[in-house]
Every structure is written in structure tokens, then in C-alpha cells.
Amino acid sequence: MSNFCCGSLLSELCCCCEVLFHLFRGAATPLVQPLSPHRHVCHVIKGPRRETGTTARCMFDEPVQVKVDGLRSRQVVTLTARSTDKKGVVFSSSATYRADGSGGVDLERDPSLGGSYTGLEPTGLLWSMRAAAPHKRFQRTKSLNPHVVKFSVHEGEGRVLAEATNERLLIGDGVSRRTITDGRIRGVLFTPPGGGPFPAVLDLYTFAGGLSEKRASLLAHRGFVVLTIPLYVHDDMASNIEEVHLDYFEEAIRFLKNFSPTQVGSKGVGVISISKSSDLALSIASYLPGVEATVWINGCCSNTFLPLLYHGRQVLPALMMDLGKMIPADESGAGVCKNVLLDPLAEENRASLVPVERAGGRFLFVASGDDLNWDSEAYMEVMAERLRRHGKDNFESVCYPGAGHYLEPPYGPYCPSSFHGVVRMPVRWGGEARSHAAAEVHLWKKIQEFFRTHVSCGATQIKAKI
């Protein structure tokens, strides 16, 4: 198992004025391909009549560089960022900076003196944004709607000196988005621009109901065909479920593999998951054919909450909770549910363990060292030990110390707490914002490398392993 030590994040983006506010996209050592080879510059004019110039645009998962010029020598200013999620909740951040002798501030060079974060954090204004009300998780699930961030420079905490807008796109140029209604499948398919075939990925983003397109559309921009599917509360699907059927995922994999021979290879697919959907991903990889690579993020080693069926027969019972082990809410109103899940290794619960040794593909196990939803690091070790015991080395384990439960595509607001759909109250998710943000940057690149390495486009037939 490798541990990722979090350091300062790289960044970039740019904007200008008499106080010149620069937002440049693209870093000196970019982690991802830029939208285009050109920098996008916003010009913002200081004066009685403030004017905001052309909006700078980049992908959501690209870093930004923030610069300000035209200030007084050594002037102290406050930089702010503000955005609104799909539910209309406003998220914001602020940080205090001192200009250099030439009246400039560069977030890649200058440390924050105070505010939402301190120290040298080039993208701190993005990941440190919080809602004014407690227990709000930033939600931006539709790919066609960009994440719009409004930056501003203030004299102290008062008069606005300059403003700029950054549109952070969730779907890139040339990426195709198709709504899928095929048999039982409900979801959205994203295909990259250009010729194929491309590696194919099934995205199981959420267990909370509904559909999220964010991760799928961003992966498509990076060269993957991605089908994201919900479990319930979407389109004509049920508003609640009492069991989960593997047949649904088998149908989705078949659809994805057969979608277009020129765009998708027919040998196998990747599966990406998080939280509850991670134990579903384990079962998909262990029981169904055609899964070459599975990314498990902060999940459990057992089938949780709902029984798992295949062809009408129960395959795995559900590992349940003991809410009496819930740590009561603190002064903020958020509890901790880390220990409420029953012990999967207890004799009476072992039948719920997913037989990961049956999987023919590879696993990337990802755990956060400060996950307060449950003990994902311990569950990761249970799976690794089980695979080793069966003589298998088809896995890689990564742990991120200081990161919390929700590891998502990078540069979004960190979520310390929000409403938990299973325990029916606000909970703390764990992690420290700076370390969590650095983990997301590192993991996003690692996920792409993992799928590119292990999801092929050749043709073969594999029988179901039930």
C-alpha cells in the first residue's frame, strides 16, 4: 500500500485591470491537457464604473493561476471566490494577501496571510469555498451547466478593486452526450471527440438516488467512453429500492461494450465507484463477465444495506448498521457514523463479504486515512489480505492521510459535513481541506492512468462467474 503525502497544490488561470486581475489556465507542469493551446485572459477595469471583461474558461478539473497587478507597493488586499451550486446554495472563500514591491500578487508565489486558508496554496480559493449555512455539500451534477466562479479583489474587506469570472466546464469541446433509455438502463453516455476505439468505463457515482454526470463527462474529455447510471430516483425508476439486482449492471455493461465497434472495444470495461457503490463495483467485478479494471473509492468489503440478487436469486445478504454506535452530533449538529456498520468479519456477517478473489480484472483500492463515514482503510486491508490469501496480486492499494470520505474530481469545494441519506442526519465526512484537495489532484491522474493501462479494446468472450 502506498501513502500519498500531501504538499502544496500546483495551479493556473488569469485576468487584468488598472488593478489588473489575471486568471490564467494551464500550469508550468500541467496535470492534464489544456482545453486549447491558448491562454484565456479576462480584463477587469478599476474605477467608479467597474467592468468585467471576457470570461476565462477551462475544464473543471484544470488548475488555475490567479494574479493581481496594479496595486500599491505592499498593499494588503482580500481576494474572494464565490459560486452557486445547482440548488442555489452560495459557496465562498476569501484570503488576505500582501502585494510585492511592484504592486503584484501571484498565488503561485505568495502565501495567504489569513482567511479561508493560510500559506502557499495556488488553488486555495477554489477548494476552500464553503456555504454560509452548515452541512451543505456543493452539488453540480449536470454536465451542460458550467461551474461558474466569480473572483474579486477587495481593499481590505471593503471596496471592490477588480472582478473576473471563471467558467469551469464539465463537458469539453467535442464530447458527445447521449441520454440512454434502453431496456432497464437509464443513464447518460459520454463519448470523446475523434476516432476510437476508446477504453470504456461504467460510472457508479452515487447511491443517494438520482444521476450525476460530473465525473463521467470529465473522464470522457480525457479520452474514455463513459456510461453513468443511477440506481433509483431518476426518470421512470423507482423512488426507493429494497434490493439491488446485478442483472441491471450486466445489461449496462453489455450495452456499453456493444455501443459502437468504432468507438468502444469489445473485450472489457472499467468500473469506477465511491462509497456504497464501491461494494457494488466489487460484486460486479467478482460475478459478472467483461470487467477488466475496477476503481474502489472509500467503500466497504461487504455488500451493505440492501441484499444483492442475480437472476432472481440472492447472491449476498446485506451487512447492516447499529445506529446505537452513532457518535452524537457536536455543536454544529453533525454526528459521526464511522462505527455504525456491523463488523463484516464477525462470524454472523461473513456471508456478506464480497468474494473478490473471483474477479479476473484488476483493482485500484483507494482509502482516505480520515474517512469518518466508515473505516474504509480497514476494509481495504481486508480485501487485500483476502486476495493475497488466494494467491492473487491483481490489486493496488493507495491511502491518503488527511483526506475525508468524498474524493471527487479536483478543484471543487471540500465538504466537511452534509446530510447522510442512510442515517438520516448531518454527519462529518472527515479530512482536512488542504490534504483532501491535494489527494483529489493526485487520485484523478492515477485513475486515468489505471484505466488506460488495464482497460483494453480487444475481443473475447467470458462466461458469467455465478
Foldseek 3Di string as FASTA:
>chain_A
DAEDDFDADFAAAFAQECFTKIKWWDTPDWLADWLDPDTDYWYWYFDPDTDTGDAGETALLTGHKIKTANAAAQAKKKKKKWWAAPVRFIWMWIFIWTAHRRRMDILCPTWTPDTLDTGRHRLCRQASIDTPAAFDDGDHFDQVAWTKMKMFMGRHPDDTGTIHIYTHHQAGPQKDWDFDDDVPFGWIKIAAHDWDAFAEEEEAEDQLADWGCRQVRNVRPRTYTYTYTYQANYDPGHNDDQAAELVRVLVVFVCRLPVDLTHFFNQAHEYEYAELCLCVQLQCQQFPPRYAEYERALYAQFNADHFYHYPRHTQAHHFYFACVPWAAADPSFAIFRAHGTDDCPPPVNVRRGRQSLNGPHAYEYEYEQWFRNYRSVVRVVVVVVSNVVVVHDRYDYYYQYQAFRDQDSASHYDHQWHADSPVGTIHGGTGDSSSNRSVSSVVVSVVSVRSVVTRDRHDDDDDTPD
